[in-house]
PDB file of N, CA and C in Angstrom:
ATOM      1  N   MET A   1       0.857  -1.171   0.000  1.00  0.00           N
ATOM      2  CA  MET A   1       0.000   0.000   0.000  1.00  0.00           C
ATOM      3  C   MET A   1       0.901   1.231   0.000  1.00  0.00           C
ATOM      4  N   GLY A   2       0.593   2.183  -0.857  1.00  0.00           N
ATOM      5  CA  GLY A   2       1.370   3.407  -0.942  1.00  0.00           C
ATOM      6  C   GLY A   2       0.982   4.396   0.143  1.00  0.00           C
ATOM      7  N   LYS A   3       1.769   5.457   0.260  1.00  0.00           N
ATOM      8  CA  LYS A   3       1.518   6.471   1.294  1.00  0.00           C
ATOM      9  C   LYS A   3       0.183   7.171   1.091  1.00  0.00           C
ATOM     10  N   SER A   4      -0.171   7.462  -0.156  1.00  0.00           N
ATOM     11  CA  SER A   4      -1.456   8.133  -0.403  1.00  0.00           C
ATOM     12  C   SER A   4      -2.625   7.235  -0.016  1.00  0.00           C
ATOM     13  N   GLN A   5      -2.516   5.947  -0.316  1.00  0.00           N
ATOM     14  CA  GLN A   5      -3.577   5.021   0.056  1.00  0.00           C
ATOM     15  C   GLN A   5      -3.696   4.904   1.573  1.00  0.00           C
ATOM     16  N   LEU A   6      -2.562   4.912   2.256  1.00  0.00           N
ATOM     17  CA  LEU A   6      -2.563   4.858   3.716  1.00  0.00           C
ATOM     18  C   LEU A   6      -3.196   6.125   4.292  1.00  0.00           C
ATOM     19  N   ALA A   7      -2.832   7.273   3.735  1.00  0.00           N
ATOM     20  CA  ALA A   7      -3.423   8.536   4.182  1.00  0.00           C
ATOM     21  C   ALA A   7      -4.922   8.544   3.919  1.00  0.00           C
ATOM     22  N   ALA A   8      -5.338   8.004   2.775  1.00  0.00           N
ATOM     23  CA  ALA A   8      -6.769   7.950   2.454  1.00  0.00           C
ATOM     24  C   ALA A   8      -7.514   7.060   3.445  1.00  0.00           C
ATOM     25  N   ALA A   9      -6.907   5.947   3.837  1.00  0.00           N
ATOM     26  CA  ALA A   9      -7.531   5.072   4.828  1.00  0.00           C
ATOM     27  C   ALA A   9      -7.685   5.792   6.162  1.00  0.00           C
ATOM     28  N   CYS A  10      -6.660   6.533   6.563  1.00  0.00           N
ATOM     29  CA  CYS A  10      -6.740   7.307   7.811  1.00  0.00           C
ATOM     30  C   CYS A  10      -7.806   8.393   7.701  1.00  0.00           C
ATOM     31  N   ALA A  11      -7.896   9.030   6.546  1.00  0.00           N
ATOM     32  CA  ALA A  11      -8.905  10.075   6.340  1.00  0.00           C
ATOM     33  C   ALA A  11     -10.314   9.485   6.388  1.00  0.00           C
ATOM     34  N   ARG A  12     -10.502   8.331   5.767  1.00  0.00           N
ATOM     35  CA  ARG A  12     -11.831   7.671   5.820  1.00  0.00           C
ATOM     36  C   ARG A  12     -12.208   7.336   7.257  1.00  0.00           C
ATOM     37  N   ARG A  13     -11.232   6.838   8.015  1.00  0.00           N
ATOM     38  CA  ARG A  13     -11.511   6.496   9.408  1.00  0.00           C
ATOM     39  C   ARG A  13     -11.844   7.755  10.208  1.00  0.00           C
ATOM     40  N   ALA A  14     -11.084   8.816  10.013  1.00  0.00           N
ATOM     41  CA  ALA A  14     -11.347  10.074  10.724  1.00  0.00           C
ATOM     42  C   ALA A  14     -12.734  10.602  10.374  1.00  0.00           C
ATOM     43  N   HIS A  15     -13.087  10.516   9.097  1.00  0.00           N
ATOM     44  CA  HIS A  15     -14.421  10.966   8.668  1.00  0.00           C
ATOM     45  C   HIS A  15     -15.502  10.125   9.336  1.00  0.00           C
ATOM     46  N   ALA A  16     -15.318   8.816   9.360  1.00  0.00           N
ATOM     47  CA  ALA A  16     -16.298   7.918   9.987  1.00  0.00           C
ATOM     48  C   ALA A  16     -16.422   8.168  11.483  1.00  0.00           C
ATOM     49  N   GLU A  17     -15.323   8.596  12.110  1.00  0.00           N
ATOM     50  CA  GLU A  17     -15.335   8.872  13.548  1.00  0.00           C
ATOM     51  C   GLU A  17     -15.837  10.277  13.864  1.00  0.00           C
ATOM     52  N   GLY A  18     -16.161  11.052  12.814  1.00  0.00           N
ATOM     53  CA  GLY A  18     -16.771  12.351  13.034  1.00  0.00           C
ATOM     54  C   GLY A  18     -15.816  13.516  13.188  1.00  0.00           C
ATOM     55  N   VAL A  19     -14.646  13.446  12.557  1.00  0.00           N
ATOM     56  CA  VAL A  19     -13.731  14.588  12.618  1.00  0.00           C
ATOM     57  C   VAL A  19     -14.471  15.822  12.092  1.00  0.00           C
ATOM     58  N   ASP A  20     -14.250  16.954  12.743  1.00  0.00           N
ATOM     59  CA  ASP A  20     -14.962  18.178  12.365  1.00  0.00           C
ATOM     60  C   ASP A  20     -14.466  18.778  11.058  1.00  0.00           C
ATOM     61  N   MET A  21     -13.181  18.657  10.801  1.00  0.00           N
ATOM     62  CA  MET A  21     -12.605  19.308   9.632  1.00  0.00           C
ATOM     63  C   MET A  21     -11.567  18.377   9.019  1.00  0.00           C
ATOM     64  N   LEU A  22     -11.730  18.104   7.733  1.00  0.00           N
ATOM     65  CA  LEU A  22     -10.808  17.232   7.020  1.00  0.00           C
ATOM     66  C   LEU A  22     -10.369  17.950   5.748  1.00  0.00           C
ATOM     67  N   VAL A  23      -9.080  18.176   5.622  1.00  0.00           N
ATOM     68  CA  VAL A  23      -8.539  18.871   4.457  1.00  0.00           C
ATOM     69  C   VAL A  23      -7.494  17.975   3.806  1.00  0.00           C
ATOM     70  N   TRP A  24      -7.658  17.759   2.514  1.00  0.00           N
ATOM     71  CA  TRP A  24      -6.693  16.992   1.734  1.00  0.00           C
ATOM     72  C   TRP A  24      -6.059  17.953   0.748  1.00  0.00           C
ATOM     73  N   ALA A  25      -4.754  18.146   0.840  1.00  0.00           N
ATOM     74  CA  ALA A  25      -4.062  19.073  -0.049  1.00  0.00           C
ATOM     75  C   ALA A  25      -3.002  18.334  -0.850  1.00  0.00           C
ATOM     76  N   ASP A  26      -3.011  18.541  -2.144  1.00  0.00           N
ATOM     77  CA  ASP A  26      -1.924  18.064  -2.987  1.00  0.00           C
ATOM     78  C   ASP A  26      -0.730  18.946  -2.637  1.00  0.00           C
ATOM     79  N   ALA A  27       0.310  18.345  -2.109  1.00  0.00           N
ATOM     80  CA  ALA A  27       1.453  19.120  -1.625  1.00  0.00           C
ATOM     81  C   ALA A  27       2.671  18.993  -2.531  1.00  0.00           C
ATOM     82  N   ALA A  28       2.457  18.610  -3.772  1.00  0.00           N
ATOM     83  CA  ALA A  28       3.575  18.495  -4.700  1.00  0.00           C
ATOM     84  C   ALA A  28       4.219  19.849  -4.946  1.00  0.00           C
ATOM     85  N   ASP A  29       3.457  20.920  -4.709  1.00  0.00           N
ATOM     86  CA  ASP A  29       3.956  22.280  -4.888  1.00  0.00           C
ATOM     87  C   ASP A  29       3.293  23.152  -3.827  1.00  0.00           C
ATOM     88  N   PRO A  30       4.034  24.057  -3.185  1.00  0.00           N
ATOM     89  CA  PRO A  30       3.433  24.897  -2.141  1.00  0.00           C
ATOM     90  C   PRO A  30       2.190  25.664  -2.601  1.00  0.00           C
ATOM     91  N   SER A  31       2.137  26.056  -3.874  1.00  0.00           N
ATOM     92  CA  SER A  31       0.959  26.792  -4.352  1.00  0.00           C
ATOM     93  C   SER A  31      -0.303  25.939  -4.278  1.00  0.00           C
ATOM     94  N   LEU A  32      -0.156  24.623  -4.395  1.00  0.00           N
ATOM     95  CA  LEU A  32      -1.313  23.730  -4.295  1.00  0.00           C
ATOM     96  C   LEU A  32      -1.804  23.633  -2.851  1.00  0.00           C
ATOM     97  N   ILE A  33      -0.865  23.692  -1.897  1.00  0.00           N
ATOM     98  CA  ILE A  33      -1.242  23.705  -0.485  1.00  0.00           C
ATOM     99  C   ILE A  33      -2.020  24.984  -0.194  1.00  0.00           C
ATOM    100  N   VAL A  34      -1.510  26.100  -0.668  1.00  0.00           N
ATOM    101  CA  VAL A  34      -2.170  27.392  -0.457  1.00  0.00           C
ATOM    102  C   VAL A  34      -3.584  27.351  -1.026  1.00  0.00           C
ATOM    103  N   ALA A  35      -3.736  26.828  -2.225  1.00  0.00           N
ATOM    104  CA  ALA A  35      -5.056  26.763  -2.857  1.00  0.00           C
ATOM    105  C   ALA A  35      -6.019  25.898  -2.046  1.00  0.00           C
ATOM    106  N   ALA A  36      -5.544  24.764  -1.540  1.00  0.00           N
ATOM    107  CA  ALA A  36      -6.401  23.881  -0.741  1.00  0.00           C
ATOM    108  C   ALA A  36      -6.809  24.554   0.566  1.00  0.00           C
ATOM    109  N   TYR A  37      -5.868  25.246   1.208  1.00  0.00           N
ATOM    110  CA  TYR A  37      -6.182  25.948   2.451  1.00  0.00           C
ATOM    111  C   TYR A  37      -7.154  27.095   2.208  1.00  0.00           C
ATOM    112  N   ALA A  38      -6.978  27.808   1.100  1.00  0.00           N
ATOM    113  CA  ALA A  38      -7.887  28.910   0.785  1.00  0.00           C
ATOM    114  C   ALA A  38      -9.301  28.376   0.571  1.00  0.00           C
ATOM    115  N   GLN A  39      -9.408  27.270  -0.138  1.00  0.00           N
ATOM    116  CA  GLN A  39     -10.723  26.659  -0.366  1.00  0.00           C
ATOM    117  C   GLN A  39     -11.321  26.190   0.967  1.00  0.00           C
ATOM    118  N   ALA A  40     -10.507  25.592   1.821  1.00  0.00           N
ATOM    119  CA  ALA A  40     -10.987  25.144   3.133  1.00  0.00           C
ATOM    120  C   ALA A  40     -11.447  26.324   3.974  1.00  0.00           C
ATOM    121  N   ALA A  41     -10.723  27.433   3.905  1.00  0.00           N
ATOM    122  CA  ALA A  41     -11.107  28.634   4.660  1.00  0.00           C
ATOM    123  C   ALA A  41     -12.478  29.121   4.215  1.00  0.00           C
ATOM    124  N   HIS A  42     -12.686  29.126   2.914  1.00  0.00           N
ATOM    125  CA  HIS A  42     -13.976  29.569   2.378  1.00  0.00           C
ATOM    126  C   HIS A  42     -15.100  28.634   2.818  1.00  0.00           C
ATOM    127  N   ARG A  43     -14.870  27.317   2.690  1.00  0.00           N
ATOM    128  CA  ARG A  43     -15.898  26.329   3.067  1.00  0.00           C
ATOM    129  C   ARG A  43     -16.206  26.355   4.563  1.00  0.00           C
ATOM    130  N   ALA A  44     -15.181  26.637   5.374  1.00  0.00           N
ATOM    131  CA  ALA A  44     -15.376  26.650   6.831  1.00  0.00           C
ATOM    132  C   ALA A  44     -15.895  27.997   7.332  1.00  0.00           C
ATOM    133  N   GLY A  45     -16.014  28.964   6.436  1.00  0.00           N
ATOM    134  CA  GLY A  45     -16.499  30.278   6.846  1.00  0.00           C
ATOM    135  C   GLY A  45     -15.523  31.038   7.721  1.00  0.00           C
ATOM    136  N   VAL A  46     -14.246  30.853   7.466  1.00  0.00           N
ATOM    137  CA  VAL A  46     -13.227  31.556   8.250  1.00  0.00           C
ATOM    138  C   VAL A  46     -13.352  33.057   7.982  1.00  0.00           C
ATOM    139  N   PRO A  47     -13.473  33.847   9.042  1.00  0.00           N
ATOM    140  CA  PRO A  47     -13.597  35.298   8.855  1.00  0.00           C
ATOM    141  C   PRO A  47     -12.430  35.862   8.037  1.00  0.00           C
ATOM    142  N   GLY A  48     -12.758  36.716   7.087  1.00  0.00           N
ATOM    143  CA  GLY A  48     -11.743  37.341   6.256  1.00  0.00           C
ATOM    144  C   GLY A  48     -11.401  36.562   5.001  1.00  0.00           C
ATOM    145  N   ALA A  49     -11.856  35.314   4.891  1.00  0.00           N
ATOM    146  CA  ALA A  49     -11.581  34.512   3.696  1.00  0.00           C
ATOM    147  C   ALA A  49     -12.649  34.837   2.654  1.00  0.00           C
ATOM    148  N   ASP A  50     -12.275  35.692   1.716  1.00  0.00           N
ATOM    149  CA  ASP A  50     -13.264  36.158   0.751  1.00  0.00           C
ATOM    150  C   ASP A  50     -13.012  35.653  -0.670  1.00  0.00           C
ATOM    151  N   GLY A  51     -11.980  34.840  -0.859  1.00  0.00           N
ATOM    152  CA  GLY A  51     -11.705  34.276  -2.167  1.00  0.00           C
ATOM    153  C   GLY A  51     -10.927  35.178  -3.100  1.00  0.00           C
ATOM    154  N   ARG A  52     -10.530  36.340  -2.642  1.00  0.00           N
ATOM    155  CA  ARG A  52      -9.807  37.266  -3.522  1.00  0.00           C
ATOM    156  C   ARG A  52      -8.293  37.109  -3.441  1.00  0.00           C
ATOM    157  N   ASP A  53      -7.796  36.560  -2.338  1.00  0.00           N
ATOM    158  CA  ASP A  53      -6.344  36.423  -2.157  1.00  0.00           C
ATOM    159  C   ASP A  53      -6.074  35.073  -1.498  1.00  0.00           C
ATOM    160  N   ALA A  54      -5.614  34.102  -2.298  1.00  0.00           N
ATOM    161  CA  ALA A  54      -5.418  32.738  -1.800  1.00  0.00           C
ATOM    162  C   ALA A  54      -4.425  32.679  -0.645  1.00  0.00           C
ATOM    163  N   GLU A  55      -3.340  33.434  -0.719  1.00  0.00           N
ATOM    164  CA  GLU A  55      -2.350  33.392   0.364  1.00  0.00           C
ATOM    165  C   GLU A  55      -2.934  33.940   1.660  1.00  0.00           C
ATOM    166  N   ARG A  56      -3.676  35.035   1.569  1.00  0.00           N
ATOM    167  CA  ARG A  56      -4.300  35.595   2.777  1.00  0.00           C
ATOM    168  C   ARG A  56      -5.333  34.615   3.339  1.00  0.00           C
ATOM    169  N   ASP A  57      -6.160  34.049   2.453  1.00  0.00           N
ATOM    170  CA  ASP A  57      -7.178  33.097   2.896  1.00  0.00           C
ATOM    171  C   ASP A  57      -6.538  31.840   3.493  1.00  0.00           C
ATOM    172  N   GLY A  58      -5.479  31.341   2.844  1.00  0.00           N
ATOM    173  CA  GLY A  58      -4.774  30.167   3.366  1.00  0.00           C
ATOM    174  C   GLY A  58      -4.149  30.441   4.719  1.00  0.00           C
ATOM    175  N   GLY A  59      -3.580  31.634   4.886  1.00  0.00           N
ATOM    176  CA  GLY A  59      -3.008  32.027   6.177  1.00  0.00           C
ATOM    177  C   GLY A  59      -4.076  32.140   7.250  1.00  0.00           C
ATOM    178  N   ALA A  60      -5.250  32.665   6.869  1.00  0.00           N
ATOM    179  CA  ALA A  60      -6.366  32.768   7.822  1.00  0.00           C
ATOM    180  C   ALA A  60      -6.817  31.375   8.255  1.00  0.00           C
ATOM    181  N   PHE A  61      -6.786  30.433   7.309  1.00  0.00           N
ATOM    182  CA  PHE A  61      -7.153  29.055   7.643  1.00  0.00           C
ATOM    183  C   PHE A  61      -6.162  28.469   8.652  1.00  0.00           C
ATOM    184  N   LEU A  62      -4.863  28.647   8.412  1.00  0.00           N
ATOM    185  CA  LEU A  62      -3.860  28.145   9.361  1.00  0.00           C
ATOM    186  C   LEU A  62      -4.020  28.792  10.730  1.00  0.00           C
ATOM    187  N   ASP A  63      -4.278  30.092  10.744  1.00  0.00           N
ATOM    188  CA  ASP A  63      -4.502  30.784  12.019  1.00  0.00           C
ATOM    189  C   ASP A  63      -5.700  30.194  12.737  1.00  0.00           C
ATOM    190  N   ARG A  64      -6.756  29.900  12.006  1.00  0.00           N
ATOM    191  CA  ARG A  64      -7.971  29.323  12.589  1.00  0.00           C
ATOM    192  C   ARG A  64      -7.683  27.939  13.174  1.00  0.00           C
ATOM    193  N   LEU A  65      -6.897  27.144  12.457  1.00  0.00           N
ATOM    194  CA  LEU A  65      -6.548  25.812  12.973  1.00  0.00           C
ATOM    195  C   LEU A  65      -5.842  25.906  14.321  1.00  0.00           C
ATOM    196  N   ALA A  66      -5.028  26.937  14.495  1.00  0.00           N
ATOM    197  CA  ALA A  66      -4.234  27.069  15.712  1.00  0.00           C
ATOM    198  C   ALA A  66      -5.052  27.495  16.923  1.00  0.00           C
ATOM    199  N   VAL A  67      -6.286  27.946  16.717  1.00  0.00           N
ATOM    200  CA  VAL A  67      -7.085  28.410  17.864  1.00  0.00           C
ATOM    201  C   VAL A  67      -8.398  27.658  18.047  1.00  0.00           C
ATOM    202  N   THR A  68      -8.750  26.791  17.130  1.00  0.00           N
ATOM    203  CA  THR A  68     -10.024  26.096  17.244  1.00  0.00           C
ATOM    204  C   THR A  68      -9.907  24.843  18.107  1.00  0.00           C
ATOM    205  N   ASP A  69     -11.012  24.496  18.749  1.00  0.00           N
ATOM    206  CA  ASP A  69     -11.067  23.247  19.506  1.00  0.00           C
ATOM    207  C   ASP A  69     -11.667  22.116  18.675  1.00  0.00           C
ATOM    208  N   ARG A  70     -12.045  22.437  17.448  1.00  0.00           N
ATOM    209  CA  ARG A  70     -12.625  21.423  16.576  1.00  0.00           C
ATOM    210  C   ARG A  70     -11.562  20.386  16.224  1.00  0.00           C
ATOM    211  N   THR A  71     -11.997  19.150  16.084  1.00  0.00           N
ATOM    212  CA  THR A  71     -11.059  18.102  15.664  1.00  0.00           C
ATOM    213  C   THR A  71     -10.785  18.283  14.178  1.00  0.00           C
ATOM    214  N   ARG A  72      -9.563  17.979  13.777  1.00  0.00           N
ATOM    215  CA  ARG A  72      -9.221  18.164  12.380  1.00  0.00           C
ATOM    216  C   ARG A  72      -8.122  17.212  11.951  1.00  0.00           C
ATOM    217  N   LEU A  73      -8.121  16.990  10.647  1.00  0.00           N
ATOM    218  CA  LEU A  73      -7.066  16.212  10.014  1.00  0.00           C
ATOM    219  C   LEU A  73      -6.688  16.949   8.744  1.00  0.00           C
ATOM    220  N   VAL A  74      -5.419  17.271   8.607  1.00  0.00           N
ATOM    221  CA  VAL A  74      -4.901  17.907   7.406  1.00  0.00           C
ATOM    222  C   VAL A  74      -3.911  16.934   6.782  1.00  0.00           C
ATOM    223  N   VAL A  75      -4.188  16.529   5.554  1.00  0.00           N
ATOM    224  CA  VAL A  75      -3.308  15.619   4.829  1.00  0.00           C
ATOM    225  C   VAL A  75      -2.591  16.424   3.761  1.00  0.00           C
ATOM    226  N   LEU A  76      -1.274  16.405   3.812  1.00  0.00           N
ATOM    227  CA  LEU A  76      -0.453  17.035   2.778  1.00  0.00           C
ATOM    228  C   LEU A  76       0.090  15.908   1.908  1.00  0.00           C
ATOM    229  N   ASP A  77      -0.674  15.552   0.899  1.00  0.00           N
ATOM    230  CA  ASP A  77      -0.355  14.419   0.037  1.00  0.00           C
ATOM    231  C   ASP A  77       0.773  14.766  -0.928  1.00  0.00           C
ATOM    232  N   ASP A  78       1.676  13.834  -1.095  1.00  0.00           N
ATOM    233  CA  ASP A  78       2.799  13.966  -2.024  1.00  0.00           C
ATOM    234  C   ASP A  78       3.851  14.958  -1.544  1.00  0.00           C
ATOM    235  N   LEU A  79       3.901  15.207  -0.249  1.00  0.00           N
ATOM    236  CA  LEU A  79       4.932  16.068   0.323  1.00  0.00           C
ATOM    237  C   LEU A  79       6.188  15.227   0.510  1.00  0.00           C
ATOM    238  N   THR A  80       7.289  15.660  -0.071  1.00  0.00           N
ATOM    239  CA  THR A  80       8.502  14.861   0.025  1.00  0.00           C
ATOM    240  C   THR A  80       9.360  15.227   1.223  1.00  0.00           C
ATOM    241  N   ALA A  81       9.272  16.482   1.692  1.00  0.00           N
ATOM    242  CA  ALA A  81      10.025  16.921   2.862  1.00  0.00           C
ATOM    243  C   ALA A  81       9.234  18.023   3.566  1.00  0.00           C
ATOM    244  N   ILE A  82       9.230  17.987   4.884  1.00  0.00           N
ATOM    245  CA  ILE A  82       8.492  18.987   5.657  1.00  0.00           C
ATOM    246  C   ILE A  82       8.900  20.398   5.237  1.00  0.00           C
ATOM    247  N   GLU A  83      10.179  20.575   4.951  1.00  0.00           N
ATOM    248  CA  GLU A  83      10.668  21.890   4.560  1.00  0.00           C
ATOM    249  C   GLU A  83       9.983  22.414   3.310  1.00  0.00           C
ATOM    250  N   ASP A  84       9.513  21.493   2.444  1.00  0.00           N
ATOM    251  CA  ASP A  84       8.843  21.898   1.211  1.00  0.00           C
ATOM    252  C   ASP A  84       7.516  22.605   1.480  1.00  0.00           C
ATOM    253  N   ALA A  85       6.931  22.341   2.648  1.00  0.00           N
ATOM    254  CA  ALA A  85       5.664  22.989   2.993  1.00  0.00           C
ATOM    255  C   ALA A  85       5.899  24.409   3.475  1.00  0.00           C
ATOM    256  N   GLY A  86       7.133  24.707   3.883  1.00  0.00           N
ATOM    257  CA  GLY A  86       7.465  26.056   4.340  1.00  0.00           C
ATOM    258  C   GLY A  86       6.511  26.535   5.413  1.00  0.00           C
ATOM    259  N   PRO A  87       6.013  27.745   5.260  1.00  0.00           N
ATOM    260  CA  PRO A  87       5.129  28.310   6.282  1.00  0.00           C
ATOM    261  C   PRO A  87       3.732  27.691   6.278  1.00  0.00           C
ATOM    262  N   TRP A  88       3.477  26.766   5.368  1.00  0.00           N
ATOM    263  CA  TRP A  88       2.143  26.171   5.257  1.00  0.00           C
ATOM    264  C   TRP A  88       1.995  24.886   6.051  1.00  0.00           C
ATOM    265  N   TRP A  89       3.012  24.528   6.830  1.00  0.00           N
ATOM    266  CA  TRP A  89       2.914  23.350   7.703  1.00  0.00           C
ATOM    267  C   TRP A  89       1.995  23.713   8.866  1.00  0.00           C
ATOM    268  N   PRO A  90       0.930  22.949   9.114  1.00  0.00           N
ATOM    269  CA  PRO A  90      -0.005  23.287  10.210  1.00  0.00           C
ATOM    270  C   PRO A  90       0.683  23.299  11.573  1.00  0.00           C
ATOM    271  N   ARG A  91       0.296  24.276  12.376  1.00  0.00           N
ATOM    272  CA  ARG A  91       0.814  24.390  13.741  1.00  0.00           C
ATOM    273  C   ARG A  91      -0.203  23.772  14.700  1.00  0.00           C
ATOM    274  N   PRO A  92       0.274  23.208  15.805  1.00  0.00           N
ATOM    275  CA  PRO A  92      -0.688  22.693  16.797  1.00  0.00           C
ATOM    276  C   PRO A  92      -1.424  23.859  17.442  1.00  0.00           C
ATOM    277  N   PRO A  93      -2.603  23.600  17.999  1.00  0.00           N
ATOM    278  CA  PRO A  93      -3.338  24.675  18.683  1.00  0.00           C
ATOM    279  C   PRO A  93      -2.485  25.297  19.787  1.00  0.00           C
ATOM    280  N   ALA A  94      -2.700  26.574  20.035  1.00  0.00           N
ATOM    281  CA  ALA A  94      -1.960  27.290  21.073  1.00  0.00           C
ATOM    282  C   ALA A  94      -2.086  26.559  22.400  1.00  0.00           C
ATOM    283  N   GLY A  95      -0.958  26.377  23.075  1.00  0.00           N
ATOM    284  CA  GLY A  95      -0.954  25.742  24.380  1.00  0.00           C
ATOM    285  C   GLY A  95      -1.027  24.224  24.332  1.00  0.00           C
ATOM    286  N   ARG A  96      -1.018  23.665  23.144  1.00  0.00           N
ATOM    287  CA  ARG A  96      -1.077  22.205  23.017  1.00  0.00           C
ATOM    288  C   ARG A  96       0.059  21.727  22.144  1.00  0.00           C
ATOM    289  N   GLU A  97       0.372  20.465  22.294  1.00  0.00           N
ATOM    290  CA  GLU A  97       1.383  19.872  21.441  1.00  0.00           C
ATOM    291  C   GLU A  97       0.683  19.052  20.384  1.00  0.00           C
ATOM    292  N   ARG A  98       1.390  18.859  19.279  1.00  0.00           N
ATOM    293  CA  ARG A  98       0.848  18.032  18.207  1.00  0.00           C
ATOM    294  C   ARG A  98       0.560  16.639  18.767  1.00  0.00           C
ATOM    295  N   ARG A  99      -0.565  16.072  18.359  1.00  0.00           N
ATOM    296  CA  ARG A  99      -0.948  14.754  18.839  1.00  0.00           C
ATOM    297  C   ARG A  99       0.100  13.718  18.473  1.00  0.00           C
ATOM    298  N   ARG A 100       0.331  12.798  19.377  1.00  0.00           N
ATOM    299  CA  ARG A 100       1.300  11.737  19.131  1.00  0.00           C
ATOM    300  C   ARG A 100       0.979  11.054  17.802  1.00  0.00           C
ATOM    301  N   GLY A 101       1.997  10.885  16.978  1.00  0.00           N
ATOM    302  CA  GLY A 101       1.814  10.221  15.711  1.00  0.00           C
ATOM    303  C   GLY A 101       1.533  11.180  14.570  1.00  0.00           C
ATOM    304  N   ALA A 102       1.288  12.436  14.863  1.00  0.00           N
ATOM    305  CA  ALA A 102       1.029  13.381  13.776  1.00  0.00           C
ATOM    306  C   ALA A 102       2.350  13.833  13.192  1.00  0.00           C
ATOM    307  N   GLY A 103       2.340  14.068  11.932  1.00  0.00           N
ATOM    308  CA  GLY A 103       3.534  14.571  11.276  1.00  0.00           C
ATOM    309  C   GLY A 103       4.042  13.620  10.240  1.00  0.00           C
ATOM    310  N   ALA A 104       5.006  14.059   9.500  1.00  0.00           N
ATOM    311  CA  ALA A 104       5.558  13.266   8.424  1.00  0.00           C
ATOM    312  C   ALA A 104       6.346  12.087   8.984  1.00  0.00           C
ATOM    313  N   GLY A 105       6.288  10.999   8.279  1.00  0.00           N
ATOM    314  CA  GLY A 105       7.106   9.854   8.637  1.00  0.00           C
ATOM    315  C   GLY A 105       6.413   8.856   9.538  1.00  0.00           C
ATOM    316  N   HIS A 106       5.322   9.216  10.187  1.00  0.00           N
ATOM    317  CA  HIS A 106       4.619   8.265  11.037  1.00  0.00           C
ATOM    318  C   HIS A 106       3.473   7.669  10.248  1.00  0.00           C
ATOM    319  N   HIS A 107       3.377   6.378  10.252  1.00  0.00           N
ATOM    320  CA  HIS A 107       2.340   5.713   9.476  1.00  0.00           C
ATOM    321  C   HIS A 107       1.492   4.850  10.408  1.00  0.00           C
ATOM    322  N   PRO A 108       0.425   5.427  11.008  1.00  0.00           N
ATOM    323  CA  PRO A 108      -0.412   4.628  11.881  1.00  0.00           C
ATOM    324  C   PRO A 108      -1.150   3.559  11.094  1.00  0.00           C
ATOM    325  N   SER A 109      -1.455   2.469  11.727  1.00  0.00           N
ATOM    326  CA  SER A 109      -2.192   1.439  11.016  1.00  0.00           C
ATOM    327  C   SER A 109      -3.650   1.850  10.865  1.00  0.00           C
ATOM    328  N   PRO A 110      -4.221   1.576   9.680  1.00  0.00           N
ATOM    329  CA  PRO A 110      -5.597   1.993   9.410  1.00  0.00           C
ATOM    330  C   PRO A 110      -6.611   1.230  10.209  1.00  0.00           C
TER     331      PRO A 110
END
């Protein structure tokens, strides 16, 4: 099973368990991550996300992730190195640490 298939299995399980927010971003290029975050910001009704500036909307989405108590899963598919995501790597909520097993390189069983 490839990494994308494994991520898809984890995403299906998270969806079935009722995760509040699930974002799948093609991360082959940072601009694709920005576009996915901007779309997620619009769909989630993030204040200030008006669809006119993808970078601003994507940044607003990341800011929202860092302060919300909603459960979420962000999949950066086809990311070869964390550094490639640059400033678009999701941050854990303020005052909390990233959940055990989150991040690149960890492959939980589906």
